[in-house]
Amino acid sequence: MRPRQPGFAALAANPVLVGAITVLTTVVAVFLAYNANAGLPFTPVYSVDAVVPNAAGLIRGNEVRIGGTRVGQMASLTPVVEKHGRVGARLHLRLLRSVKPLPVDSQIAIRPRSPLGLKYIQITIGHSTKGVADGAELPLGPKAPTPVEVNDVFNIFDPPTRAAAKTNVDEFGTGLAGRGTSLNVALAELQPVVTRLQPVMHNLLDPRSRLTELFPALERAAGEVAPVAETQAALVDALDTTFGGLAGVPGPIQQSIARGPAALDAATRNLPAEQPFLHDSTELFRRLRPAFASLGTASTHLAPAFAQAQPSLSATPGLATRLNVTLAQLDKLAADGRVARGIERLTQTASTLQEPIHFIAPAQTTCNYLSLFFRNLQGSFSEGDSIGTFLRFGILGLPQNPNSEAGPSSAPANGPTVNRVREPLRDDSYLHSNPYPNTAAPGQPHECEAGDEKYLTGRQVIGNQPQLQPAKTEPTKRSLR
């Protein structure tokens, strides 16, 4: 056994000196612990400053890493105002001298280290041959990324959604508690599904499936549906009411479903036979479309007619009883052979008169010439005395000139020769009446001339000429006098 050295024994025997050493050791340990985030004292470091647009929750002492390896820490940060008025943060980094110098095109990014909000600074080494000097500033890259905070992710959802998510997690946790064995069995039975899922996923990942366009299309669809979200919500609410009502009558619904196949079989057999009927009905309604369109204007007249028809229809049974006798007599008349021969002759007569009537009828139906004739004739006999009426007339002696109205002519009267007729008879040898007036018959203008011509002194024509001409007169209308 070696004897104790005199110096150590003397040191241990002095309690004041032992206490002083203990206090000094404690102070050094506290100093080192307090400045641990700033690195060990008296250790040479590579100082670099970097300006970022957002400190993103960095604090003094956050680690600096390159490729996942710790190469230093952030000593401090200060806010700065950039040239364009934007506010950023200047990071004072203390790095190991082994990474000196950093290329000037190196990039800085702030990354989350844990879900609790701890961050670190990541440096991506650039490729420039020019390095950043000790104490200089690392230029801000054109695409300095801004980290996404956990709070930003949580703030995507509004308070009701977060409350619902909390309820879901709580209820799912309660539902899965104590069911580990069942979950293991279920996962084991899912193995065939996973095995068969591989070719399905292979097909989905094929560029021809255009799966990458699905989610942008869904985004556009959601954007188009967003303006009618309240309407859709009301629709879902109404569907809830509808299905709630259907839930109260499950028996009839089940019977309808059970009898549905038989109804479908009957429809399969019978509907082809109904196709011609549907085709004919479609054609019928197409032809009736103009009639339906005119019902709108005719309804104002049909409504009073229907109102007046009710009393008439109530008297129809009595009329029908009396008509039985009439119809019996008509039947007896129709059976008589003489009636058929008479009708045949009337038909021949009507056929013979068809063409003359075709030309003569407009003289009365359009121009009212026959009525005008009798009206003028009645006016001629309207004068009389106690004995009776009489007609006064005078004889006009016309000169016997060529084509004069006093005798046969080959052309309309066109006046006398000056050296053969006395002056008073000069104007009497012109046309006084139109022998062929228009009567609106087929081939003639739709105008009426007879009785409307004016006598023009010293001219051959009176009023309108007998040939075709622009219509200036109008068909005769019934006078209200």
Protein backbone atom coordinates (compact mmCIF):
# COMPACT_ATOMS: atom_id res chain seq x y z
CA MET A 1 0.00 0.00 0.00
CA ARG A 2 1.36 3.38 -1.06
CA PRO A 3 1.39 6.12 1.54
CA ARG A 4 -0.64 9.31 0.87
CA GLN A 5 1.22 12.26 -0.51
CA PRO A 6 1.68 15.08 1.89
CA GLY A 7 0.26 17.73 -0.52
CA PHE A 8 -3.14 16.03 -1.06
CA ALA A 9 -3.46 15.33 2.64
CA ALA A 10 -2.79 18.95 3.42
CA LEU A 11 -5.32 20.07 0.82
CA ALA A 12 -7.99 17.71 2.12
CA ALA A 13 -7.28 18.79 5.67
CA ASN A 14 -8.06 22.46 4.79
CA PRO A 15 -11.89 22.87 4.74
CA VAL A 16 -11.75 26.52 3.52
CA LEU A 17 -9.81 25.54 0.45
CA VAL A 18 -12.17 22.61 -0.27
CA GLY A 19 -15.20 24.91 0.00
CA ALA A 20 -13.63 27.48 -2.33
CA ILE A 21 -12.89 24.83 -4.96
CA THR A 22 -16.43 23.53 -4.70
CA VAL A 23 -17.93 27.00 -5.16
CA LEU A 24 -15.67 27.68 -8.15
CA THR A 25 -16.63 24.38 -9.78
CA THR A 26 -20.33 25.16 -9.27
CA VAL A 27 -20.01 28.65 -10.78
CA VAL A 28 -18.18 27.27 -13.84
CA ALA A 29 -20.84 24.56 -14.32
CA VAL A 30 -23.67 27.12 -14.04
CA PHE A 31 -21.89 29.43 -16.47
CA LEU A 32 -21.38 26.65 -18.95
CA ALA A 33 -25.00 25.47 -18.60
CA TYR A 34 -26.34 29.00 -19.04
CA ASN A 35 -24.29 29.60 -22.17
CA ALA A 36 -24.70 26.11 -23.61
CA ASN A 37 -26.96 27.39 -26.35
CA ALA A 38 -24.28 29.90 -27.40
CA GLY A 39 -21.59 27.22 -27.68
CA LEU A 40 -18.59 26.55 -25.60
CA PRO A 41 -16.58 29.61 -24.64
CA PHE A 42 -13.23 30.30 -26.20
CA THR A 43 -14.05 27.94 -29.10
CA PRO A 44 -13.29 29.41 -32.58
CA VAL A 45 -16.41 29.64 -34.78
CA TYR A 46 -17.37 30.65 -38.35
CA SER A 47 -19.87 33.55 -38.05
CA VAL A 48 -22.34 34.11 -40.88
CA ASP A 49 -25.41 36.35 -41.11
CA ALA A 50 -28.49 35.51 -43.17
CA VAL A 51 -31.64 37.52 -43.88
CA VAL A 52 -34.94 35.62 -44.19
CA PRO A 53 -38.41 37.05 -44.93
CA ASN A 54 -39.92 35.33 -41.87
CA ALA A 55 -38.20 34.01 -38.75
CA ALA A 56 -41.11 31.52 -38.40
CA GLY A 57 -40.84 31.16 -34.64
CA LEU A 58 -37.02 30.73 -34.34
CA ILE A 59 -35.48 31.35 -30.93
CA ARG A 60 -31.92 31.86 -29.77
CA GLY A 61 -30.00 28.60 -29.70
CA ASN A 62 -31.83 26.78 -32.51
CA GLU A 63 -29.59 24.29 -34.31
CA VAL A 64 -28.10 24.78 -37.75
CA ARG A 65 -27.81 21.61 -39.84
CA ILE A 66 -26.32 20.62 -43.15
CA GLY A 67 -27.56 17.32 -44.52
CA GLY A 68 -29.06 16.47 -41.16
CA THR A 69 -25.76 16.99 -39.26
CA ARG A 70 -25.50 19.70 -36.61
CA VAL A 71 -22.90 22.27 -37.68
CA GLY A 72 -23.75 25.15 -35.36
CA GLN A 73 -26.50 27.20 -33.84
CA MET A 74 -28.21 30.54 -34.12
CA ALA A 75 -26.69 33.05 -31.69
CA SER A 76 -29.38 35.75 -32.10
CA LEU A 77 -31.82 37.34 -34.53
CA THR A 78 -32.85 40.94 -35.15
CA PRO A 79 -35.64 42.43 -37.25
CA VAL A 80 -34.62 44.36 -40.37
CA VAL A 81 -36.38 46.42 -43.02
CA GLU A 82 -35.40 45.54 -46.58
CA LYS A 83 -34.95 47.96 -49.45
CA HIS A 84 -38.51 47.51 -50.76
CA GLY A 85 -40.05 48.22 -47.35
CA ARG A 86 -40.63 44.59 -46.46
CA VAL A 87 -39.81 43.45 -42.93
CA GLY A 88 -37.56 40.44 -42.43
CA ALA A 89 -35.24 38.93 -39.84
CA ARG A 90 -31.42 38.81 -39.71
CA LEU A 91 -30.07 35.53 -38.33
CA HIS A 92 -26.65 35.52 -36.65
CA LEU A 93 -25.27 32.01 -37.13
CA ARG A 94 -22.26 30.53 -35.33
CA LEU A 95 -20.99 27.56 -37.35
CA LEU A 96 -18.13 25.13 -37.10
CA ARG A 97 -15.03 26.28 -38.89
CA SER A 98 -14.99 22.98 -40.77
CA VAL A 99 -17.77 24.23 -43.06
CA LYS A 100 -15.97 27.44 -43.90
CA PRO A 101 -16.44 28.89 -46.42
CA LEU A 102 -20.07 28.45 -47.47
CA PRO A 103 -20.73 28.99 -51.22
CA VAL A 104 -22.58 32.28 -51.82
CA ASP A 105 -25.43 30.42 -53.60
CA SER A 106 -26.23 28.30 -50.56
CA GLN A 107 -29.89 28.23 -49.52
CA ILE A 108 -31.39 28.58 -46.04
CA ALA A 109 -34.67 27.01 -45.00
CA ILE A 110 -36.45 26.90 -41.64
CA ARG A 111 -37.72 23.41 -40.88
CA PRO A 112 -39.88 22.02 -38.06
CA ARG A 113 -38.02 19.68 -35.73
CA SER A 114 -41.04 18.40 -33.79
CA PRO A 115 -44.82 18.80 -33.81
CA LEU A 116 -44.51 20.95 -30.69
CA GLY A 117 -43.10 23.88 -32.63
CA LEU A 118 -39.32 23.38 -32.27
CA LYS A 119 -37.43 24.55 -35.39
CA TYR A 120 -33.99 24.25 -36.89
CA ILE A 121 -32.17 26.00 -39.73
CA GLN A 122 -31.23 23.91 -42.72
CA ILE A 123 -28.44 25.01 -45.05
CA THR A 124 -28.30 23.54 -48.53
CA ILE A 125 -24.75 23.84 -49.87
CA GLY A 126 -24.54 25.61 -53.23
CA HIS A 127 -22.20 25.08 -56.18
CA SER A 128 -20.53 28.50 -56.43
CA THR A 129 -16.72 28.73 -56.21
CA LYS A 130 -17.06 32.00 -54.31
CA GLY A 131 -17.44 31.64 -50.56
CA VAL A 132 -18.96 33.78 -47.80
CA ALA A 133 -16.30 35.47 -45.66
CA ASP A 134 -16.30 35.23 -41.86
CA GLY A 135 -18.82 37.76 -40.50
CA ALA A 136 -20.33 38.43 -43.94
CA GLU A 137 -23.96 38.02 -44.96
CA LEU A 138 -25.31 35.05 -46.91
CA PRO A 139 -27.46 36.47 -49.78
CA LEU A 140 -31.16 35.65 -49.70
CA GLY A 141 -32.00 33.21 -52.47
CA PRO A 142 -34.79 33.96 -55.00
CA LYS A 143 -36.92 31.10 -53.70
CA ALA A 144 -36.45 31.06 -49.95
CA PRO A 145 -39.18 28.67 -48.72
CA THR A 146 -41.54 29.64 -45.89
CA PRO A 147 -42.20 26.75 -43.50
CA VAL A 148 -45.74 25.55 -42.85
CA GLU A 149 -46.56 25.65 -39.17
CA VAL A 150 -48.70 23.10 -37.40
CA ASN A 151 -50.97 25.93 -36.37
CA ASP A 152 -51.42 26.84 -40.04
CA VAL A 153 -52.56 23.29 -40.72
CA PHE A 154 -54.97 23.35 -37.80
CA ASN A 155 -56.30 26.77 -38.79
CA ILE A 156 -57.54 25.33 -42.09
CA PHE A 157 -60.60 24.06 -40.22
CA ASP A 158 -63.13 26.30 -38.50
CA PRO A 159 -64.07 25.74 -34.82
CA PRO A 160 -67.12 23.51 -35.55
CA THR A 161 -64.97 21.27 -37.78
CA ARG A 162 -62.24 21.01 -35.14
CA ALA A 163 -64.86 20.15 -32.52
CA ALA A 164 -66.32 17.48 -34.79
CA ALA A 165 -62.83 16.06 -35.49
CA LYS A 166 -62.20 15.90 -31.74
CA THR A 167 -65.49 14.06 -31.27
CA ASN A 168 -64.58 11.62 -34.07
CA VAL A 169 -61.18 10.86 -32.58
CA ASP A 170 -62.73 10.34 -29.15
CA GLU A 171 -65.46 8.04 -30.47
CA PHE A 172 -63.12 6.09 -32.75
CA GLY A 173 -60.73 5.63 -29.86
CA THR A 174 -63.54 4.37 -27.65
CA GLY A 175 -64.80 2.10 -30.43
CA LEU A 176 -61.36 0.56 -31.09
CA ALA A 177 -60.43 0.14 -27.43
CA GLY A 178 -60.24 -3.52 -26.39
CA ARG A 179 -60.62 -4.80 -29.96
CA GLY A 180 -57.00 -5.44 -30.80
CA THR A 181 -57.51 -9.13 -31.53
CA SER A 182 -60.41 -8.42 -33.88
CA LEU A 183 -58.38 -5.75 -35.65
CA ASN A 184 -55.50 -8.19 -36.10
CA VAL A 185 -57.87 -10.75 -37.61
CA ALA A 186 -59.36 -8.14 -39.90
CA LEU A 187 -55.90 -7.01 -41.04
CA ALA A 188 -54.93 -10.62 -41.72
CA GLU A 189 -58.03 -11.09 -43.87
CA LEU A 190 -57.17 -7.95 -45.81
CA GLN A 191 -54.04 -9.58 -47.22
CA PRO A 192 -55.82 -10.89 -50.38
CA VAL A 193 -57.22 -7.41 -50.95
CA VAL A 194 -53.75 -5.86 -50.74
CA THR A 195 -52.36 -8.54 -53.06
CA ARG A 196 -55.04 -7.91 -55.67
CA LEU A 197 -54.73 -4.15 -55.20
CA GLN A 198 -51.32 -4.07 -56.86
CA PRO A 199 -52.54 -4.48 -60.50
CA VAL A 200 -55.33 -2.01 -59.78
CA MET A 201 -52.85 0.60 -58.58
CA HIS A 202 -50.63 -0.20 -61.55
CA ASN A 203 -53.51 0.64 -63.89
CA LEU A 204 -54.32 3.80 -61.96
CA LEU A 205 -50.72 5.00 -62.18
CA ASP A 206 -50.66 4.45 -65.93
CA PRO A 207 -50.54 7.86 -67.72
CA ARG A 208 -53.44 6.77 -69.91
CA SER A 209 -55.73 6.72 -66.87
CA ARG A 210 -55.21 10.53 -66.51
CA LEU A 211 -55.49 10.16 -62.74
CA THR A 212 -53.51 13.36 -62.25
CA GLU A 213 -56.39 15.32 -63.81
CA LEU A 214 -58.94 13.90 -61.37
CA PHE A 215 -58.23 16.10 -58.38
CA PRO A 216 -57.94 19.38 -60.36
CA ALA A 217 -61.25 18.47 -61.97
CA LEU A 218 -62.74 17.77 -58.53
CA GLU A 219 -61.43 21.14 -57.38
CA ARG A 220 -63.13 22.89 -60.31
CA ALA A 221 -66.33 20.97 -59.67
CA ALA A 222 -66.24 21.96 -55.99
CA GLY A 223 -65.71 25.59 -57.01
CA GLU A 224 -68.75 25.46 -59.27
CA VAL A 225 -70.88 23.76 -56.61
CA ALA A 226 -69.85 26.16 -53.84
CA PRO A 227 -72.35 28.93 -54.81
CA VAL A 228 -75.25 26.47 -54.41
CA ALA A 229 -74.01 24.92 -51.18
CA GLU A 230 -76.97 26.28 -49.20
CA THR A 231 -79.40 24.90 -51.78
CA GLN A 232 -77.75 21.48 -51.56
CA ALA A 233 -77.91 21.63 -47.79
CA ALA A 234 -81.63 22.36 -48.02
CA LEU A 235 -81.93 19.42 -50.44
CA VAL A 236 -80.24 17.08 -47.94
CA ASP A 237 -82.54 18.38 -45.21
CA ALA A 238 -85.57 17.74 -47.42
CA LEU A 239 -84.27 14.25 -48.25
CA ASP A 240 -83.99 13.56 -44.54
CA THR A 241 -87.66 14.47 -44.16
CA THR A 242 -88.56 12.30 -47.16
CA PHE A 243 -86.65 9.25 -45.97
CA GLY A 244 -88.05 9.78 -42.49
CA GLY A 245 -91.55 9.52 -43.96
CA LEU A 246 -90.57 6.42 -45.96
CA ALA A 247 -89.20 4.80 -42.83
CA GLY A 248 -92.71 4.77 -41.37
CA VAL A 249 -94.10 2.59 -44.19
CA PRO A 250 -91.49 -0.14 -44.68
CA GLY A 251 -94.12 -2.83 -45.34
CA PRO A 252 -95.65 -1.35 -48.51
CA ILE A 253 -92.20 -0.44 -49.81
CA GLN A 254 -91.02 -4.03 -49.36
CA GLN A 255 -94.11 -5.31 -51.14
CA SER A 256 -93.47 -2.90 -54.04
CA ILE A 257 -89.88 -4.12 -54.30
CA ALA A 258 -90.96 -7.76 -54.11
CA ARG A 259 -93.52 -7.29 -56.90
CA GLY A 260 -91.19 -5.20 -59.01
CA PRO A 261 -89.61 -8.11 -60.99
CA ALA A 262 -93.04 -9.39 -62.10
CA ALA A 263 -93.99 -5.87 -63.22
CA LEU A 264 -90.74 -5.54 -65.15
CA ASP A 265 -91.33 -8.89 -66.87
CA ALA A 266 -94.84 -7.79 -67.88
CA ALA A 267 -93.49 -4.50 -69.18
CA THR A 268 -90.82 -6.32 -71.19
CA ARG A 269 -93.50 -8.41 -72.89
CA ASN A 270 -96.12 -5.70 -73.45
CA LEU A 271 -94.24 -2.48 -74.12
CA PRO A 272 -93.00 -3.52 -77.62
CA ALA A 273 -96.64 -4.08 -78.65
CA GLU A 274 -97.51 -0.56 -77.44
CA GLN A 275 -94.81 1.06 -79.56
CA PRO A 276 -97.06 1.57 -82.65
CA PHE A 277 -99.73 3.12 -80.43
CA LEU A 278 -97.19 5.53 -78.92
CA HIS A 279 -95.91 6.38 -82.41
CA ASP A 280 -99.44 7.12 -83.66
CA SER A 281 -100.19 9.15 -80.52
CA THR A 282 -97.04 11.21 -81.08
CA GLU A 283 -98.06 11.93 -84.67
CA LEU A 284 -101.61 12.82 -83.54
CA PHE A 285 -100.43 15.30 -80.94
CA ARG A 286 -97.97 16.78 -83.46
CA ARG A 287 -100.85 17.47 -85.83
CA LEU A 288 -103.00 18.81 -83.01
CA ARG A 289 -100.33 21.27 -81.94
CA PRO A 290 -101.69 24.16 -84.10
CA ALA A 291 -105.17 23.50 -82.71
CA PHE A 292 -103.85 23.58 -79.15
CA ALA A 293 -102.04 26.84 -79.94
CA SER A 294 -105.30 28.41 -81.19
CA LEU A 295 -107.22 27.30 -78.08
CA GLY A 296 -105.67 30.21 -76.20
CA THR A 297 -107.39 32.78 -78.40
CA ALA A 298 -110.54 30.68 -78.87
CA SER A 299 -111.05 30.11 -75.15
CA THR A 300 -112.66 33.54 -74.72
CA HIS A 301 -115.35 32.48 -77.19
CA LEU A 302 -115.58 28.86 -76.07
CA ALA A 303 -116.30 29.72 -72.44
CA PRO A 304 -119.59 31.61 -73.21
CA ALA A 305 -120.50 28.86 -75.69
CA PHE A 306 -120.10 26.20 -73.01
CA ALA A 307 -122.16 28.32 -70.63
CA GLN A 308 -124.96 28.58 -73.20
CA ALA A 309 -124.66 24.92 -74.15
CA GLN A 310 -125.72 23.65 -70.74
CA PRO A 311 -129.44 24.49 -71.07
CA SER A 312 -129.39 23.29 -74.68
CA LEU A 313 -127.87 19.96 -73.69
CA SER A 314 -130.51 19.51 -71.01
CA ALA A 315 -133.18 19.73 -73.74
CA THR A 316 -131.29 17.34 -76.03
CA PRO A 317 -132.98 14.10 -74.80
CA GLY A 318 -136.45 15.43 -75.75
CA LEU A 319 -135.17 16.59 -79.12
CA ALA A 320 -133.59 13.21 -79.74
CA THR A 321 -136.94 11.52 -79.02
CA ARG A 322 -138.71 13.70 -81.58
CA LEU A 323 -135.90 13.20 -84.06
CA ASN A 324 -136.54 9.47 -84.09
CA VAL A 325 -139.76 10.03 -86.06
CA THR A 326 -138.01 12.43 -88.44
CA LEU A 327 -135.14 10.04 -89.03
CA ALA A 328 -137.58 7.21 -89.69
CA GLN A 329 -139.29 9.32 -92.36
CA LEU A 330 -135.92 10.26 -93.85
CA ASP A 331 -134.99 6.61 -93.96
CA LYS A 332 -138.23 5.84 -95.79
CA LEU A 333 -137.56 8.72 -98.20
CA ALA A 334 -134.03 7.51 -98.86
CA ALA A 335 -135.35 4.04 -99.68
CA ASP A 336 -137.64 5.47 -102.42
CA GLY A 337 -136.10 4.89 -105.87
CA ARG A 338 -137.42 8.19 -107.22
CA VAL A 339 -135.31 10.15 -104.74
CA ALA A 340 -132.08 8.69 -106.08
CA ARG A 341 -133.01 9.64 -109.66
CA GLY A 342 -133.97 13.17 -108.57
CA ILE A 343 -130.71 13.65 -106.69
CA GLU A 344 -128.81 12.40 -109.74
CA ARG A 345 -130.52 14.98 -111.96
CA LEU A 346 -129.88 17.74 -109.41
CA THR A 347 -126.24 16.74 -109.41
CA GLN A 348 -126.09 17.03 -113.19
CA THR A 349 -127.79 20.44 -113.02
CA ALA A 350 -125.36 21.68 -110.38
CA SER A 351 -122.40 20.43 -112.43
CA THR A 352 -123.72 22.24 -115.51
CA LEU A 353 -124.26 25.50 -113.61
CA GLN A 354 -120.96 25.35 -111.78
CA GLU A 355 -118.94 27.32 -114.33
CA PRO A 356 -121.57 30.07 -114.97
CA ILE A 357 -122.17 30.49 -111.27
CA HIS A 358 -118.40 30.61 -110.76
CA PHE A 359 -118.30 33.77 -112.88
CA ILE A 360 -121.74 35.24 -112.09
CA ALA A 361 -121.73 34.79 -108.32
CA PRO A 362 -119.06 37.48 -107.59
CA ALA A 363 -121.28 40.08 -109.31
CA GLN A 364 -123.63 39.71 -106.33
CA THR A 365 -121.52 38.30 -103.49
CA THR A 366 -118.68 40.81 -103.99
CA CYS A 367 -120.07 43.72 -106.04
CA ASN A 368 -123.73 43.49 -104.94
CA TYR A 369 -124.84 44.40 -108.50
CA LEU A 370 -128.21 42.61 -108.30
CA SER A 371 -129.22 44.38 -105.09
CA LEU A 372 -128.08 47.71 -106.49
CA PHE A 373 -130.19 47.12 -109.61
CA PHE A 374 -133.39 46.48 -107.63
CA ARG A 375 -132.62 49.33 -105.24
CA ASN A 376 -132.25 51.73 -108.17
CA LEU A 377 -135.36 50.25 -109.79
CA GLN A 378 -137.30 50.83 -106.58
CA GLY A 379 -136.03 54.40 -106.53
CA SER A 380 -137.24 54.87 -110.09
CA PHE A 381 -140.82 53.95 -109.14
CA SER A 382 -140.78 55.85 -105.86
CA GLU A 383 -142.58 58.87 -107.32
CA GLY A 384 -146.36 58.80 -107.74
CA ASP A 385 -149.70 60.21 -106.77
CA SER A 386 -153.00 58.95 -105.40
CA ILE A 387 -153.51 56.83 -108.49
CA GLY A 388 -150.12 55.09 -108.42
CA THR A 389 -146.42 55.42 -109.12
CA PHE A 390 -144.97 56.25 -112.48
CA LEU A 391 -141.60 56.17 -114.16
CA ARG A 392 -140.34 59.21 -115.97
CA PHE A 393 -137.77 58.82 -118.69
CA GLY A 394 -136.49 60.73 -121.67
CA ILE A 395 -135.25 59.55 -125.05
CA LEU A 396 -131.78 60.70 -125.96
CA GLY A 397 -131.36 60.96 -129.73
CA LEU A 398 -127.77 60.27 -130.56
CA PRO A 399 -126.23 61.12 -133.93
CA GLN A 400 -125.56 58.27 -136.32
CA ASN A 401 -121.79 58.55 -136.33
CA PRO A 402 -119.26 55.73 -136.79
CA ASN A 403 -119.19 53.52 -133.65
CA SER A 404 -121.92 55.65 -132.12
CA GLU A 405 -123.90 54.26 -129.18
CA ALA A 406 -127.07 54.79 -131.25
CA GLY A 407 -126.40 51.64 -133.26
CA PRO A 408 -124.05 48.76 -133.86
CA SER A 409 -120.36 49.58 -133.46
CA SER A 410 -116.98 47.91 -133.88
CA ALA A 411 -115.25 50.00 -131.21
CA PRO A 412 -116.18 52.27 -128.28
CA ALA A 413 -117.70 55.62 -129.27
CA ASN A 414 -114.88 58.09 -129.71
CA GLY A 415 -116.66 61.29 -130.74
CA PRO A 416 -117.92 62.69 -134.08
CA THR A 417 -116.12 64.28 -136.96
CA VAL A 418 -116.09 68.03 -136.52
CA ASN A 419 -117.33 68.98 -140.02
CA ARG A 420 -120.20 66.50 -139.97
CA VAL A 421 -121.82 67.18 -136.56
CA ARG A 422 -123.37 70.29 -135.13
CA GLU A 423 -121.58 71.70 -132.08
CA PRO A 424 -124.34 70.85 -129.51
CA LEU A 425 -124.14 67.15 -130.46
CA ARG A 426 -120.39 67.05 -130.33
CA ASP A 427 -120.20 65.76 -126.75
CA ASP A 428 -123.05 63.25 -127.19
CA SER A 429 -121.08 60.90 -129.42
CA TYR A 430 -118.64 59.73 -126.71
CA LEU A 431 -118.88 56.62 -124.51
CA HIS A 432 -121.62 56.95 -121.88
CA SER A 433 -121.47 53.50 -120.19
CA ASN A 434 -118.99 50.63 -119.77
CA PRO A 435 -120.53 47.53 -121.44
CA TYR A 436 -118.06 45.14 -119.75
CA PRO A 437 -117.43 46.33 -116.18
CA ASN A 438 -115.24 44.36 -113.76
CA THR A 439 -117.27 42.16 -111.42
CA ALA A 440 -114.41 40.59 -109.37
CA ALA A 441 -114.98 37.32 -111.27
CA PRO A 442 -112.06 34.87 -111.77
CA GLY A 443 -109.40 36.47 -113.97
CA GLN A 444 -110.52 40.03 -113.14
CA PRO A 445 -109.12 42.52 -110.62
CA HIS A 446 -110.81 42.41 -107.25
CA GLU A 447 -112.79 45.60 -107.85
CA CYS A 448 -116.34 46.65 -108.75
CA GLU A 449 -116.88 49.20 -111.53
CA ALA A 450 -120.53 49.14 -112.70
CA GLY A 451 -122.34 52.20 -111.34
CA ASP A 452 -119.11 53.83 -110.14
CA GLU A 453 -118.02 55.37 -113.47
CA LYS A 454 -118.16 59.10 -113.96
CA TYR A 455 -119.17 60.63 -117.26
CA LEU A 456 -116.24 62.63 -118.64
CA THR A 457 -117.17 65.26 -121.19
CA GLY A 458 -115.33 65.06 -124.52
CA ARG A 459 -113.52 61.78 -123.66
CA GLN A 460 -114.00 58.26 -124.85
CA VAL A 461 -113.70 56.52 -121.46
CA ILE A 462 -115.83 56.95 -118.38
CA GLY A 463 -114.27 56.24 -115.01
CA ASN A 464 -112.22 53.01 -115.15
CA GLN A 465 -111.41 51.26 -118.39
CA PRO A 466 -112.79 47.73 -118.93
CA GLN A 467 -109.34 46.16 -119.30
CA LEU A 468 -107.09 45.08 -116.40
CA GLN A 469 -105.81 48.01 -114.39
CA PRO A 470 -104.63 48.82 -110.86
CA ALA A 471 -107.59 48.57 -108.51
CA LYS A 472 -108.80 51.99 -107.42
CA THR A 473 -112.35 51.07 -106.48
CA GLU A 474 -113.41 48.81 -103.63
CA PRO A 475 -115.87 45.93 -103.42
CA THR A 476 -119.34 47.06 -102.44
CA LYS A 477 -119.94 47.02 -98.68
CA ARG A 478 -123.28 46.87 -96.98
CA SER A 479 -124.42 50.36 -96.11
CA LEU A 480 -125.42 51.16 -92.55
CA ARG A 481 -127.98 53.72 -93.72
